[in-house]
Amino acid sequence: PAPPPCLAVPMSSDPEEIKARVVVHGAGADANAADEWARPELEAFHLPSTSQPPHLFHPPHPEPEAAEQSTPAPAVAAATGTNNASGSPPPPRSPPPAPLETEQLPPNAKPPADEKPPPPAPAAALRDLFRFADGLDRVLMAVGTLGALVHGCSLPVFLRFFADLVDSFGSHADDPDTMVRLVVKYAFYFLVVGAAIWASSWAEISCWMWTGERQSTRMRIRYLQAALKQDVSFFDTDVRTSDVIYAINADAVIVQDAISEKLGNLIHYMATFVAGFVVGFTAAWQLALVTLAVVPLIAVIGGLTAATMGKLSSKSQDALSSASNIAEQALSQIRIVQSFVGEQRVAQAYSAALAVAQSIGYRNGFAKGLGLGGTYFTVFCCYALLLWYGGHLVRGHHTNGGLAIATMFSVMIGGL
């Protein structure tokens, strides 16, 4: 007859009790029982052997199982029939497990729907970006600011000298000696302006980029020190490892551009704006007033373009961070990915994240092109208006041709 099937019974930590519960098929005699218990199939029961010292035996902890509660009494009696036949008492039933007190959510689980997300962190002030500057950085920023101011004012000043040079050609056409003398004088002025542009542009770019590199290096070091001082749970609940790496590599570069080259360009363009309007109003104030009707439109178009590109740039950074996180997790767990044949799924997830970033990049390029095209369209419309009105002023002897050209270009350059 076929041997009866083995039934699942509760496990215990007593080796003799385990031997009493397990039915060994084919062990008909006591002499063969020891050989049967030495079989490799029974190693899962953690039974001590003759070759293993007793102190190396670690009894397993009893675990509650659902089979213990659902197994009927006759089945247990049938499984332990051999033990009852030999006269030994039946094994005692283990007490039921205690109910769980609370059920904790996993670290990366989403909060319930009724909970509101935490408010975003406030934006840092401009002065807080320079908290890592030392004495040398302050000197470099002062020299870079001076260079940016001189560099920004140089072009409107050049246009003012150029207007006088053009006017000397028409005013002294019948007096060659005077015309040559004036040309030599303004040529010397152009040489001085060119030398000032060379020195100021070098001071602006080199000093601001040098101090930006120094401050961003300290910022990276302080950020890494603050990240290493956090508990391990901080990386499981609050941030991901890829966020820390991305912040050190990409976000620090963005801050470095903001406090170095871009800040120098801001001071440069602000100086050009002020100097352009000063030169325009001192040369031909009527023509400069007409230009003011168009400059706000240029400013509105530029502001909308900058705001749109800023939002799209933030979304692009989030998409690239998500793609970087997918790649980092796949590479760190490459054995598990290959074991479950998940290379294709990981590649598809990474491609989907990059597709989002690519779509945002298309929108960013479209917004940039539309804003730049609208700005230049408005500028050339302003040129047409200023040329028509400048000719009207020259015919009325309110100004001359050189001053009209200087006013038109200086105010437009300042507005841009």
Protein backbone atom coordinates (compact mmCIF):
# COMPACT_ATOMS: atom_id res chain seq x y z
CA PRO A 1 0.00 0.00 0.00
CA ALA A 2 1.09 3.58 -0.73
CA PRO A 3 2.45 5.47 2.27
CA PRO A 4 0.15 8.07 3.76
CA PRO A 5 1.00 11.66 2.84
CA CYS A 6 2.80 13.86 5.35
CA LEU A 7 0.63 16.52 6.89
CA ALA A 8 1.79 20.01 7.97
CA VAL A 9 1.95 20.23 11.76
CA PRO A 10 3.20 22.99 14.04
CA MET A 11 6.96 23.06 14.46
CA SER A 12 8.65 23.05 17.82
CA SER A 13 12.13 23.80 19.10
CA ASP A 14 12.53 20.39 20.84
CA PRO A 15 14.53 17.94 18.63
CA GLU A 16 12.90 14.86 20.15
CA GLU A 17 9.47 16.32 19.53
CA ILE A 18 10.37 17.03 15.90
CA LYS A 19 11.59 13.43 15.49
CA ALA A 20 8.34 12.19 16.97
CA ARG A 21 6.22 14.25 14.54
CA VAL A 22 8.12 13.53 11.31
CA VAL A 23 7.18 10.24 9.64
CA VAL A 24 10.21 8.75 7.87
CA HIS A 25 9.13 6.50 5.01
CA GLY A 26 11.14 3.35 4.59
CA ALA A 27 12.53 3.33 8.15
CA GLY A 28 11.03 0.09 9.40
CA ALA A 29 13.65 -0.79 11.99
CA ASP A 30 15.38 1.10 14.76
CA ALA A 31 18.77 0.24 13.27
CA ASN A 32 17.95 2.10 10.06
CA ALA A 33 16.34 5.05 11.87
CA ALA A 34 19.67 6.72 12.61
CA ASP A 35 20.71 6.44 8.96
CA GLU A 36 17.40 7.90 7.84
CA TRP A 37 17.78 10.88 10.18
CA ALA A 38 21.21 11.55 8.67
CA ARG A 39 19.71 12.03 5.20
CA PRO A 40 20.27 15.53 3.65
CA GLU A 41 16.53 16.02 3.17
CA LEU A 42 16.06 16.36 6.94
CA GLU A 43 18.65 19.11 7.41
CA ALA A 44 15.86 21.69 7.25
CA PHE A 45 14.65 20.52 10.67
CA HIS A 46 17.99 21.70 12.26
CA LEU A 47 18.56 18.42 14.06
CA PRO A 48 21.91 17.96 15.84
CA SER A 49 24.12 15.20 14.46
CA THR A 50 26.91 13.17 16.00
CA SER A 51 29.56 15.13 14.05
CA GLN A 52 28.28 18.53 15.24
CA PRO A 53 28.94 19.77 18.78
CA PRO A 54 25.83 20.35 20.87
CA HIS A 55 26.66 23.98 21.53
CA LEU A 56 26.48 24.79 17.79
CA PHE A 57 22.83 23.85 17.64
CA HIS A 58 20.55 26.89 17.50
CA PRO A 59 16.88 26.02 17.84
CA PRO A 60 14.67 27.98 15.51
CA HIS A 61 12.18 30.49 16.86
CA PRO A 62 8.58 29.31 16.68
CA GLU A 63 6.59 31.22 14.08
CA PRO A 64 2.81 31.41 13.97
CA GLU A 65 1.31 29.88 10.86
CA ALA A 66 -2.16 29.79 9.51
CA ALA A 67 -1.94 26.01 9.04
CA GLU A 68 -1.82 25.54 12.81
CA GLN A 69 -5.22 27.11 13.25
CA SER A 70 -6.87 25.49 10.21
CA THR A 71 -5.54 21.91 10.74
CA PRO A 72 -8.31 19.72 12.21
CA ALA A 73 -7.74 17.52 15.19
CA PRO A 74 -8.10 14.14 13.38
CA ALA A 75 -5.38 15.08 10.91
CA VAL A 76 -2.99 15.91 13.72
CA ALA A 77 -3.81 12.66 15.41
CA ALA A 78 -3.16 10.75 12.20
CA ALA A 79 0.18 12.46 11.75
CA THR A 80 1.25 11.66 15.31
CA GLY A 81 -0.07 8.16 15.33
CA THR A 82 3.36 6.63 15.50
CA ASN A 83 4.23 8.65 18.55
CA ASN A 84 1.01 7.63 20.37
CA ALA A 85 1.55 3.99 19.51
CA SER A 86 4.96 4.00 21.16
CA GLY A 87 3.43 5.30 24.40
CA SER A 88 4.89 8.81 24.45
CA PRO A 89 2.54 11.67 25.30
CA PRO A 90 1.30 13.87 22.47
CA PRO A 91 3.15 17.14 21.98
CA PRO A 92 1.58 20.18 23.61
CA ARG A 93 -0.03 22.74 21.36
CA SER A 94 1.73 26.09 21.20
CA PRO A 95 -0.31 29.12 22.33
CA PRO A 96 -1.81 31.29 19.60
CA PRO A 97 0.30 34.27 18.51
CA ALA A 98 -0.42 37.65 20.01
CA PRO A 99 -2.17 40.11 17.70
CA LEU A 100 -0.13 42.86 16.14
CA GLU A 101 -0.43 46.21 17.88
CA THR A 102 0.10 48.58 14.97
CA GLU A 103 0.86 48.24 11.30
CA GLN A 104 3.51 50.64 10.11
CA LEU A 105 3.66 51.92 6.57
CA PRO A 106 6.80 51.26 4.51
CA PRO A 107 9.27 54.16 4.32
CA ASN A 108 8.49 55.03 0.68
CA ALA A 109 4.71 54.67 1.00
CA LYS A 110 2.58 57.61 -0.06
CA PRO A 111 0.69 59.48 2.66
CA PRO A 112 -3.10 59.21 2.80
CA ALA A 113 -5.14 61.36 0.47
CA ASP A 114 -6.53 63.52 3.26
CA GLU A 115 -3.08 64.69 4.35
CA LYS A 116 -1.82 67.86 2.69
CA PRO A 117 1.68 67.88 1.18
CA PRO A 118 4.25 69.96 3.05
CA PRO A 119 4.69 73.53 1.78
CA PRO A 120 7.68 74.16 -0.47
CA ALA A 121 10.81 75.62 1.03
CA PRO A 122 11.09 79.41 0.71
CA ALA A 123 13.46 80.79 -1.89
CA ALA A 124 16.82 81.97 -0.62
CA ALA A 125 17.58 85.68 -0.67
CA LEU A 126 20.29 87.05 -2.94
CA ARG A 127 22.59 87.86 -0.05
CA ASP A 128 22.31 84.28 1.22
CA LEU A 129 23.97 83.04 -1.97
CA PHE A 130 27.18 84.77 -0.90
CA ARG A 131 27.36 83.34 2.62
CA PHE A 132 30.39 81.24 1.63
CA ALA A 133 32.44 84.23 0.44
CA ASP A 134 35.62 85.20 2.25
CA GLY A 135 37.82 88.32 2.05
CA LEU A 136 39.39 87.44 -1.30
CA ASP A 137 35.98 86.72 -2.79
CA ARG A 138 34.72 90.13 -1.72
CA VAL A 139 37.68 91.80 -3.41
CA LEU A 140 37.10 89.79 -6.58
CA MET A 141 33.39 90.70 -6.58
CA ALA A 142 34.20 94.39 -6.14
CA VAL A 143 36.69 94.35 -9.04
CA GLY A 144 34.27 92.34 -11.19
CA THR A 145 31.44 94.78 -10.44
CA LEU A 146 33.61 97.75 -11.42
CA GLY A 147 34.62 96.01 -14.62
CA ALA A 148 30.99 95.20 -15.44
CA LEU A 149 29.95 98.82 -14.92
CA VAL A 150 32.72 100.15 -17.19
CA HIS A 151 32.06 97.48 -19.79
CA GLY A 152 28.34 98.24 -19.81
CA CYS A 153 28.80 102.01 -20.18
CA SER A 154 31.46 101.76 -22.88
CA LEU A 155 29.17 101.09 -25.84
CA PRO A 156 26.80 104.08 -25.31
CA VAL A 157 29.85 106.32 -24.76
CA PHE A 158 31.34 105.01 -28.00
CA LEU A 159 28.11 105.82 -29.81
CA ARG A 160 28.26 109.37 -28.45
CA PHE A 161 31.80 109.85 -29.84
CA PHE A 162 30.72 108.23 -33.08
CA ALA A 163 27.88 110.76 -33.41
CA ASP A 164 30.34 113.66 -33.11
CA LEU A 165 32.62 112.02 -35.66
CA VAL A 166 29.78 111.66 -38.17
CA ASP A 167 28.72 115.26 -37.57
CA SER A 168 32.30 116.49 -38.20
CA PHE A 169 32.25 114.93 -41.66
CA GLY A 170 29.26 117.01 -42.72
CA SER A 171 29.95 120.19 -40.75
CA HIS A 172 33.57 120.63 -41.87
CA ALA A 173 33.45 119.27 -45.36
CA ASP A 174 34.80 122.58 -46.75
CA ASP A 175 37.64 122.71 -44.16
CA PRO A 176 39.81 119.60 -44.52
CA ASP A 177 42.34 120.61 -41.85
CA THR A 178 39.69 120.99 -39.18
CA MET A 179 38.01 117.76 -40.24
CA VAL A 180 41.30 115.82 -40.05
CA ARG A 181 42.07 117.28 -36.64
CA LEU A 182 38.67 116.22 -35.34
CA VAL A 183 39.01 112.77 -36.86
CA VAL A 184 42.38 112.27 -35.15
CA LYS A 185 40.90 113.39 -31.84
CA TYR A 186 37.94 111.00 -32.03
CA ALA A 187 40.19 108.19 -33.23
CA PHE A 188 42.21 108.64 -30.03
CA TYR A 189 38.94 108.53 -28.06
CA PHE A 190 38.02 105.28 -29.80
CA LEU A 191 41.42 103.85 -28.85
CA VAL A 192 40.86 104.77 -25.21
CA VAL A 193 37.36 103.29 -25.25
CA GLY A 194 38.66 100.08 -26.82
CA ALA A 195 41.37 99.73 -24.15
CA ALA A 196 38.75 100.33 -21.43
CA ILE A 197 36.48 97.66 -22.94
CA TRP A 198 39.34 95.16 -23.07
CA ALA A 199 40.41 95.72 -19.45
CA SER A 200 36.89 95.93 -18.01
CA SER A 201 35.61 92.86 -19.85
CA TRP A 202 38.60 90.81 -18.65
CA ALA A 203 38.09 92.00 -15.06
CA GLU A 204 34.34 91.31 -15.21
CA ILE A 205 34.52 87.77 -16.58
CA SER A 206 37.65 86.52 -14.81
CA CYS A 207 36.87 87.92 -11.34
CA TRP A 208 33.22 86.81 -11.27
CA MET A 209 34.00 83.32 -12.58
CA TRP A 210 36.91 82.91 -10.15
CA THR A 211 34.87 83.88 -7.10
CA GLY A 212 31.94 81.77 -8.30
CA GLU A 213 34.18 78.70 -8.54
CA ARG A 214 35.60 79.30 -5.07
CA GLN A 215 32.21 79.78 -3.43
CA SER A 216 30.60 76.83 -5.20
CA THR A 217 33.45 74.57 -4.04
CA ARG A 218 32.79 75.51 -0.42
CA MET A 219 29.07 75.04 -1.01
CA ARG A 220 29.60 71.48 -2.27
CA ILE A 221 31.81 70.62 0.70
CA ARG A 222 29.31 71.98 3.22
CA TYR A 223 26.42 70.21 1.49
CA LEU A 224 28.24 66.88 1.52
CA GLN A 225 29.17 67.31 5.18
CA ALA A 226 25.56 68.06 6.08
CA ALA A 227 24.36 65.02 4.11
CA LEU A 228 26.86 62.68 5.80
CA LYS A 229 25.76 63.84 9.26
CA GLN A 230 22.16 62.67 8.66
CA ASP A 231 20.75 59.39 9.93
CA VAL A 232 20.27 56.43 7.64
CA SER A 233 16.49 56.85 7.85
CA PHE A 234 16.85 60.29 6.27
CA PHE A 235 17.88 58.67 2.97
CA ASP A 236 15.00 56.18 3.18
CA THR A 237 12.18 58.65 3.84
CA ASP A 238 13.17 62.20 2.89
CA VAL A 239 15.63 62.11 0.00
CA ARG A 240 17.11 59.64 -2.42
CA THR A 241 20.78 59.00 -3.02
CA SER A 242 20.44 60.25 -6.58
CA ASP A 243 19.09 63.57 -5.27
CA VAL A 244 22.25 64.13 -3.24
CA ILE A 245 24.48 63.30 -6.20
CA TYR A 246 22.41 65.44 -8.54
CA ALA A 247 22.48 68.36 -6.10
CA ILE A 248 26.27 68.22 -5.85
CA ASN A 249 26.80 67.89 -9.60
CA ALA A 250 23.99 69.87 -11.25
CA ASP A 251 22.40 72.18 -8.67
CA ALA A 252 25.76 73.49 -7.51
CA VAL A 253 26.63 74.36 -11.11
CA ILE A 254 23.38 76.33 -11.43
CA VAL A 255 24.15 78.29 -8.27
CA GLN A 256 27.69 78.87 -9.51
CA ASP A 257 26.39 80.32 -12.79
CA ALA A 258 23.99 82.56 -10.88
CA ILE A 259 26.64 84.07 -8.57
CA SER A 260 29.42 84.32 -11.16
CA GLU A 261 28.92 84.93 -14.86
CA LYS A 262 25.19 85.67 -14.85
CA LEU A 263 25.46 88.20 -12.02
CA GLY A 264 28.24 89.97 -13.89
CA ASN A 265 26.08 90.03 -17.01
CA LEU A 266 23.20 91.48 -14.98
CA ILE A 267 25.35 94.38 -13.75
CA HIS A 268 26.72 94.84 -17.26
CA TYR A 269 23.28 95.08 -18.87
CA MET A 270 21.92 97.35 -16.16
CA ALA A 271 24.84 99.74 -16.76
CA THR A 272 24.16 99.61 -20.50
CA PHE A 273 20.48 100.38 -19.88
CA VAL A 274 21.19 103.43 -17.73
CA ALA A 275 24.04 104.75 -19.89
CA GLY A 276 22.04 104.27 -23.08
CA PHE A 277 19.13 106.36 -21.84
CA VAL A 278 21.47 109.02 -20.44
CA VAL A 279 23.24 109.36 -23.80
CA GLY A 280 19.93 109.33 -25.66
CA PHE A 281 18.29 112.07 -23.60
CA THR A 282 21.39 114.28 -23.70
CA ALA A 283 21.74 113.92 -27.48
CA ALA A 284 18.12 114.24 -28.71
CA TRP A 285 15.49 114.10 -25.98
CA GLN A 286 12.56 114.25 -28.43
CA LEU A 287 13.78 111.09 -30.16
CA ALA A 288 14.46 109.40 -26.82
CA LEU A 289 10.92 110.05 -25.65
CA VAL A 290 9.53 108.32 -28.72
CA THR A 291 11.68 105.30 -27.92
CA LEU A 292 10.15 105.02 -24.46
CA ALA A 293 6.82 104.06 -26.06
CA VAL A 294 8.34 100.86 -27.43
CA VAL A 295 10.82 99.85 -24.71
CA PRO A 296 8.10 98.64 -22.23
CA LEU A 297 6.77 96.31 -24.90
CA ILE A 298 10.26 94.84 -25.32
CA ALA A 299 10.56 94.44 -21.55
CA VAL A 300 7.19 92.65 -21.30
CA ILE A 301 8.10 90.20 -24.05
CA GLY A 302 11.47 89.50 -22.44
CA GLY A 303 9.91 89.01 -18.99
CA LEU A 304 7.31 86.53 -20.25
CA THR A 305 9.99 84.61 -22.11
CA ALA A 306 12.25 84.42 -19.04
CA ALA A 307 9.39 83.28 -16.76
CA THR A 308 8.28 80.57 -19.19
CA MET A 309 11.80 79.29 -19.69
CA GLY A 310 12.38 79.25 -15.93
CA LYS A 311 9.34 77.02 -15.31
CA LEU A 312 10.27 74.68 -18.16
CA SER A 313 13.85 74.47 -16.94
CA SER A 314 12.63 73.42 -13.47
CA LYS A 315 10.43 70.70 -14.97
CA SER A 316 13.31 69.50 -17.13
CA GLN A 317 15.55 69.17 -14.08
CA ASP A 318 12.90 67.09 -12.28
CA ALA A 319 12.54 64.78 -15.29
CA LEU A 320 16.30 64.33 -15.60
CA SER A 321 16.55 63.61 -11.86
CA SER A 322 13.89 60.90 -12.20
CA ALA A 323 15.74 59.33 -15.13
CA SER A 324 19.00 59.44 -13.18
CA ASN A 325 17.30 57.73 -10.23
CA ILE A 326 16.04 54.91 -12.46
CA ALA A 327 19.49 54.33 -13.94
CA GLU A 328 21.16 54.41 -10.51
CA GLN A 329 18.72 51.92 -8.99
CA ALA A 330 19.09 49.57 -11.96
CA LEU A 331 22.89 49.64 -11.85
CA SER A 332 23.06 49.21 -8.07
CA GLN A 333 20.66 46.22 -8.23
CA ILE A 334 21.88 44.82 -11.54
CA ARG A 335 21.92 41.23 -10.24
CA ILE A 336 18.26 41.34 -9.29
CA VAL A 337 17.36 43.01 -12.58
CA GLN A 338 19.17 40.33 -14.55
CA SER A 339 17.76 37.51 -12.41
CA PHE A 340 14.18 38.58 -13.15
CA VAL A 341 15.00 39.40 -16.80
CA GLY A 342 14.03 43.03 -16.25
CA GLU A 343 16.54 44.71 -18.55
CA GLN A 344 13.87 45.56 -21.10
CA ARG A 345 11.51 47.01 -18.49
CA VAL A 346 14.28 49.13 -16.97
CA ALA A 347 15.29 50.38 -20.41
CA GLN A 348 11.67 51.25 -21.19
CA ALA A 349 11.26 53.12 -17.88
CA TYR A 350 14.48 55.04 -18.49
CA SER A 351 13.43 55.85 -22.06
CA ALA A 352 10.03 57.05 -20.82
CA ALA A 353 11.67 59.39 -18.29
CA LEU A 354 14.00 60.74 -20.97
CA ALA A 355 11.06 61.18 -23.31
CA VAL A 356 9.44 63.50 -20.75
CA ALA A 357 12.64 65.53 -20.53
CA GLN A 358 12.88 65.61 -24.33
CA SER A 359 9.31 66.88 -24.64
CA ILE A 360 10.02 69.63 -22.11
CA GLY A 361 13.17 70.51 -24.05
CA TYR A 362 11.13 70.91 -27.23
CA ARG A 363 8.76 73.25 -25.43
CA ASN A 364 11.67 75.17 -23.95
CA GLY A 365 13.21 75.66 -27.38
CA PHE A 366 9.90 76.74 -28.87
CA ALA A 367 9.35 79.28 -26.08
CA LYS A 368 12.89 80.61 -26.46
CA GLY A 369 12.55 80.98 -30.22
CA LEU A 370 9.15 82.63 -29.94
CA GLY A 371 10.36 85.10 -27.32
CA LEU A 372 13.56 85.94 -29.20
CA GLY A 373 11.69 86.38 -32.47
CA GLY A 374 9.08 88.62 -30.85
CA THR A 375 11.80 90.72 -29.25
CA TYR A 376 13.69 91.31 -32.48
CA PHE A 377 10.48 92.00 -34.38
CA THR A 378 9.64 94.74 -31.88
CA VAL A 379 13.20 96.11 -32.08
CA PHE A 380 13.17 96.47 -35.85
CA CYS A 381 9.73 98.07 -35.73
CA CYS A 382 11.20 100.56 -33.28
CA TYR A 383 14.12 101.20 -35.61
CA ALA A 384 11.72 102.02 -38.43
CA LEU A 385 9.78 104.44 -36.22
CA LEU A 386 12.94 106.16 -34.96
CA LEU A 387 14.42 106.56 -38.43
CA TRP A 388 11.23 108.20 -39.68
CA TYR A 389 10.99 110.55 -36.69
CA GLY A 390 14.75 111.26 -36.72
CA GLY A 391 14.54 112.41 -40.32
CA HIS A 392 11.67 114.69 -39.36
CA LEU A 393 13.80 116.28 -36.59
CA VAL A 394 16.80 116.76 -38.88
CA ARG A 395 14.66 118.51 -41.50
CA GLY A 396 13.31 120.80 -38.77
CA HIS A 397 16.86 121.61 -37.60
CA HIS A 398 16.16 120.29 -34.08
CA THR A 399 19.18 117.97 -34.20
CA ASN A 400 21.77 116.65 -36.64
CA GLY A 401 22.22 113.28 -38.27
CA GLY A 402 25.00 112.07 -35.95
CA LEU A 403 23.06 112.77 -32.77
CA ALA A 404 19.93 111.17 -34.22
CA ILE A 405 21.83 107.97 -35.04
CA ALA A 406 23.54 107.95 -31.62
CA THR A 407 20.22 108.45 -29.83
CA MET A 408 18.49 105.72 -31.82
CA PHE A 409 21.16 103.05 -31.26
CA SER A 410 22.03 103.97 -27.67
CA VAL A 411 18.43 103.90 -26.46
CA MET A 412 17.66 100.67 -28.32
CA ILE A 413 20.80 98.98 -27.03
CA GLY A 414 19.94 100.15 -23.53
CA GLY A 415 16.40 98.82 -23.89
CA LEU A 416 17.62 95.42 -25.03
